[in-house]
Amino acid sequence: MGKAPVRLFQPAVMTGFRRSQRNQTQHTSLLKIKNVRAKEDVDFYLGKRVAYVFKGKNKVSQIRSAQNPKLKSRVRVMWGRVTRAHGNNGAVRAKFSPNLPSQAMGKKLRVYLYPSRI
C-alpha cells in the first residue's frame, strides 16, 4: 500500500456577497467551508489563502513556462484571503483581488491550509 495523498486545501462554496437588507458590497465574499459549523472553528482559517479556479475563454501562456514557452492553458485562478467570521454558523468573509464575479456564487473554492499560524 502506498501513502495516502496529502490534501493541501479544504473545499468551500461561495454563498454570496456581504450585504445588508437592500445593498450588497462586492468587495467581500461569503464562503461556507466544509466541516466548519461554529464561530469557534473559524479561528484556524483566519488569514488562509483562498483560490477560485475557473476556465477562461482563450488559451493563454502560463506563468513560469520558461521550459516550454508554447505551453498554454485555459485555467485561471483568482486569489483571496479569509478575513473574519460571518455570523455564528461557521461562514467566513473573504476578500479577493480582483473581486469575485457573480458567476462564482454556488461554485467551489479551495481554502489552502497555509500560511500556518501555529
C-alpha atoms as a PDB file:
ATOM      1  CA  MET A   1       0.000   0.000   0.000  1.00  0.00           C
ATOM      2  CA  GLY A   2       1.235   3.494  -0.869  1.00  0.00           C
ATOM      3  CA  LYS A   3       0.976   6.562   1.234  1.00  0.00           C
ATOM      4  CA  ALA A   4      -2.332   8.390   1.385  1.00  0.00           C
ATOM      5  CA  PRO A   5      -2.309  11.621  -0.645  1.00  0.00           C
ATOM      6  CA  VAL A   6      -1.743  14.829   1.311  1.00  0.00           C
ATOM      7  CA  ARG A   7      -4.583  17.315   0.986  1.00  0.00           C
ATOM      8  CA  LEU A   8      -3.393  20.913   0.883  1.00  0.00           C
ATOM      9  CA  PHE A   9      -6.808  22.575   0.840  1.00  0.00           C
ATOM     10  CA  GLN A  10     -10.277  22.393   2.335  1.00  0.00           C
ATOM     11  CA  PRO A  11     -13.215  22.735  -0.101  1.00  0.00           C
ATOM     12  CA  ALA A  12     -15.576  25.683   0.248  1.00  0.00           C
ATOM     13  CA  VAL A  13     -18.548  27.205  -1.584  1.00  0.00           C
ATOM     14  CA  MET A  14     -19.160  30.879  -2.287  1.00  0.00           C
ATOM     15  CA  THR A  15     -22.618  31.635  -0.937  1.00  0.00           C
ATOM     16  CA  GLY A  16     -22.804  35.291  -1.975  1.00  0.00           C
ATOM     17  CA  PHE A  17     -21.546  38.770  -1.195  1.00  0.00           C
ATOM     18  CA  ARG A  18     -21.710  40.605   2.100  1.00  0.00           C
ATOM     19  CA  ARG A  19     -24.917  42.595   2.159  1.00  0.00           C
ATOM     20  CA  SER A  20     -27.473  44.459   4.179  1.00  0.00           C
ATOM     21  CA  GLN A  21     -31.211  44.370   3.619  1.00  0.00           C
ATOM     22  CA  ARG A  22     -31.060  46.456   0.446  1.00  0.00           C
ATOM     23  CA  ASN A  23     -27.410  46.878  -0.535  1.00  0.00           C
ATOM     24  CA  GLN A  24     -24.605  44.456  -1.259  1.00  0.00           C
ATOM     25  CA  THR A  25     -20.857  45.056  -1.355  1.00  0.00           C
ATOM     26  CA  GLN A  26     -18.923  43.041  -3.921  1.00  0.00           C
ATOM     27  CA  HIS A  27     -15.531  43.525  -2.265  1.00  0.00           C
ATOM     28  CA  THR A  28     -16.320  40.961   0.464  1.00  0.00           C
ATOM     29  CA  SER A  29     -17.403  37.423  -0.400  1.00  0.00           C
ATOM     30  CA  LEU A  30     -19.125  34.974   1.946  1.00  0.00           C
ATOM     31  CA  LEU A  31     -17.815  31.400   1.975  1.00  0.00           C
ATOM     32  CA  LYS A  32     -19.047  28.215   3.607  1.00  0.00           C
ATOM     33  CA  ILE A  33     -16.096  25.929   4.391  1.00  0.00           C
ATOM     34  CA  LYS A  34     -16.701  22.189   4.597  1.00  0.00           C
ATOM     35  CA  ASN A  35     -16.944  20.827   8.175  1.00  0.00           C
ATOM     36  CA  VAL A  36     -16.864  24.310   9.746  1.00  0.00           C
ATOM     37  CA  ARG A  37     -20.087  24.653  11.705  1.00  0.00           C
ATOM     38  CA  ALA A  38     -19.370  27.142  14.503  1.00  0.00           C
ATOM     39  CA  LYS A  39     -17.725  30.501  15.008  1.00  0.00           C
ATOM     40  CA  GLU A  40     -15.019  28.876  17.161  1.00  0.00           C
ATOM     41  CA  ASP A  41     -13.947  26.632  14.244  1.00  0.00           C
ATOM     42  CA  VAL A  42     -13.243  29.669  12.056  1.00  0.00           C
ATOM     43  CA  ASP A  43     -10.168  30.772  14.066  1.00  0.00           C
ATOM     44  CA  PHE A  44      -7.963  28.167  12.351  1.00  0.00           C
ATOM     45  CA  TYR A  45      -8.817  29.507   8.882  1.00  0.00           C
ATOM     46  CA  LEU A  46      -8.236  33.231   9.535  1.00  0.00           C
ATOM     47  CA  GLY A  47      -5.544  34.545   7.190  1.00  0.00           C
ATOM     48  CA  LYS A  48      -5.554  31.419   4.999  1.00  0.00           C
ATOM     49  CA  ARG A  49      -5.390  31.840   1.227  1.00  0.00           C
ATOM     50  CA  VAL A  50      -8.420  31.056  -0.917  1.00  0.00           C
ATOM     51  CA  ALA A  51      -8.332  30.148  -4.617  1.00  0.00           C
ATOM     52  CA  TYR A  52     -11.169  30.345  -7.132  1.00  0.00           C
ATOM     53  CA  VAL A  53     -10.101  28.139 -10.049  1.00  0.00           C
ATOM     54  CA  PHE A  54     -12.029  28.556 -13.293  1.00  0.00           C
ATOM     55  CA  LYS A  55     -11.638  28.203 -17.045  1.00  0.00           C
ATOM     56  CA  GLY A  56     -11.356  31.241 -19.289  1.00  0.00           C
ATOM     57  CA  LYS A  57     -12.421  31.529 -22.909  1.00  0.00           C
ATOM     58  CA  ASN A  58      -8.995  31.647 -24.578  1.00  0.00           C
ATOM     59  CA  LYS A  59      -5.806  29.710 -24.005  1.00  0.00           C
ATOM     60  CA  VAL A  60      -3.027  31.936 -22.681  1.00  0.00           C
ATOM     61  CA  SER A  61       0.637  31.352 -21.900  1.00  0.00           C
ATOM     62  CA  GLN A  62       1.260  30.077 -18.428  1.00  0.00           C
ATOM     63  CA  ILE A  63       3.417  31.871 -15.898  1.00  0.00           C
ATOM     64  CA  ARG A  64       6.739  30.148 -15.191  1.00  0.00           C
ATOM     65  CA  SER A  65       6.724  28.289 -18.504  1.00  0.00           C
ATOM     66  CA  ALA A  66      10.332  29.060 -19.460  1.00  0.00           C
ATOM     67  CA  GLN A  67      10.938  25.368 -20.175  1.00  0.00           C
ATOM     68  CA  ASN A  68       8.145  25.277 -22.745  1.00  0.00           C
ATOM     69  CA  PRO A  69       7.008  28.729 -23.952  1.00  0.00           C
ATOM     70  CA  LYS A  70       4.348  27.123 -26.177  1.00  0.00           C
ATOM     71  CA  LEU A  71       2.562  25.699 -23.112  1.00  0.00           C
ATOM     72  CA  LYS A  72      -0.893  27.308 -22.935  1.00  0.00           C
ATOM     73  CA  SER A  73      -3.899  26.721 -20.715  1.00  0.00           C
ATOM     74  CA  ARG A  74      -7.449  27.957 -20.173  1.00  0.00           C
ATOM     75  CA  VAL A  75      -7.216  27.519 -16.395  1.00  0.00           C
ATOM     76  CA  ARG A  76      -7.163  30.762 -14.370  1.00  0.00           C
ATOM     77  CA  VAL A  77      -7.015  31.461 -10.642  1.00  0.00           C
ATOM     78  CA  MET A  78      -8.227  34.356  -8.507  1.00  0.00           C
ATOM     79  CA  TRP A  79      -6.616  34.582  -5.062  1.00  0.00           C
ATOM     80  CA  GLY A  80      -8.064  35.927  -1.830  1.00  0.00           C
ATOM     81  CA  ARG A  81      -7.791  35.661   1.941  1.00  0.00           C
ATOM     82  CA  VAL A  82     -10.114  34.683   4.782  1.00  0.00           C
ATOM     83  CA  THR A  83     -10.598  37.834   6.860  1.00  0.00           C
ATOM     84  CA  ARG A  84     -13.104  37.025   9.614  1.00  0.00           C
ATOM     85  CA  ALA A  85     -16.145  35.024  10.671  1.00  0.00           C
ATOM     86  CA  HIS A  86     -19.626  35.908   9.428  1.00  0.00           C
ATOM     87  CA  GLY A  87     -22.371  35.071  11.898  1.00  0.00           C
ATOM     88  CA  ASN A  88     -22.398  32.105  14.268  1.00  0.00           C
ATOM     89  CA  ASN A  89     -22.813  29.224  11.816  1.00  0.00           C
ATOM     90  CA  GLY A  90     -19.203  28.947  10.587  1.00  0.00           C
ATOM     91  CA  ALA A  91     -19.459  31.101   7.455  1.00  0.00           C
ATOM     92  CA  VAL A  92     -16.439  33.300   6.736  1.00  0.00           C
ATOM     93  CA  ARG A  93     -15.757  36.550   4.913  1.00  0.00           C
ATOM     94  CA  ALA A  94     -13.003  36.669   2.322  1.00  0.00           C
ATOM     95  CA  LYS A  95     -11.502  39.453   0.225  1.00  0.00           C
ATOM     96  CA  PHE A  96     -10.293  38.814  -3.298  1.00  0.00           C
ATOM     97  CA  SER A  97      -8.219  40.903  -5.663  1.00  0.00           C
ATOM     98  CA  PRO A  98      -9.842  41.426  -8.097  1.00  0.00           C
ATOM     99  CA  ASN A  99     -13.339  40.898  -6.655  1.00  0.00           C
ATOM    100  CA  LEU A 100     -15.006  37.577  -7.408  1.00  0.00           C
ATOM    101  CA  PRO A 101     -17.541  37.670 -10.242  1.00  0.00           C
ATOM    102  CA  SER A 102     -21.186  36.914  -9.548  1.00  0.00           C
ATOM    103  CA  GLN A 103     -20.830  33.708 -11.630  1.00  0.00           C
ATOM    104  CA  ALA A 104     -18.789  32.298  -8.734  1.00  0.00           C
ATOM    105  CA  MET A 105     -21.871  32.087  -6.474  1.00  0.00           C
ATOM    106  CA  GLY A 106     -22.513  28.458  -5.631  1.00  0.00           C
ATOM    107  CA  LYS A 107     -19.195  27.356  -7.154  1.00  0.00           C
ATOM    108  CA  LYS A 108     -16.376  25.520  -5.407  1.00  0.00           C
ATOM    109  CA  LEU A 109     -13.346  27.278  -3.967  1.00  0.00           C
ATOM    110  CA  ARG A 110     -10.224  25.985  -2.270  1.00  0.00           C
ATOM    111  CA  VAL A 111      -9.168  27.215   1.179  1.00  0.00           C
ATOM    112  CA  TYR A 112      -5.476  26.344   1.373  1.00  0.00           C
ATOM    113  CA  LEU A 113      -4.011  25.329   4.722  1.00  0.00           C
ATOM    114  CA  TYR A 114      -1.248  27.941   4.549  1.00  0.00           C
ATOM    115  CA  PRO A 115       0.088  30.293   5.787  1.00  0.00           C
ATOM    116  CA  SER A 116       0.210  28.473   9.112  1.00  0.00           C
ATOM    117  CA  ARG A 117      -0.314  30.429  12.343  1.00  0.00           C
ATOM    118  CA  ILE A 118       0.658  27.526  14.600  1.00  0.00           C
END
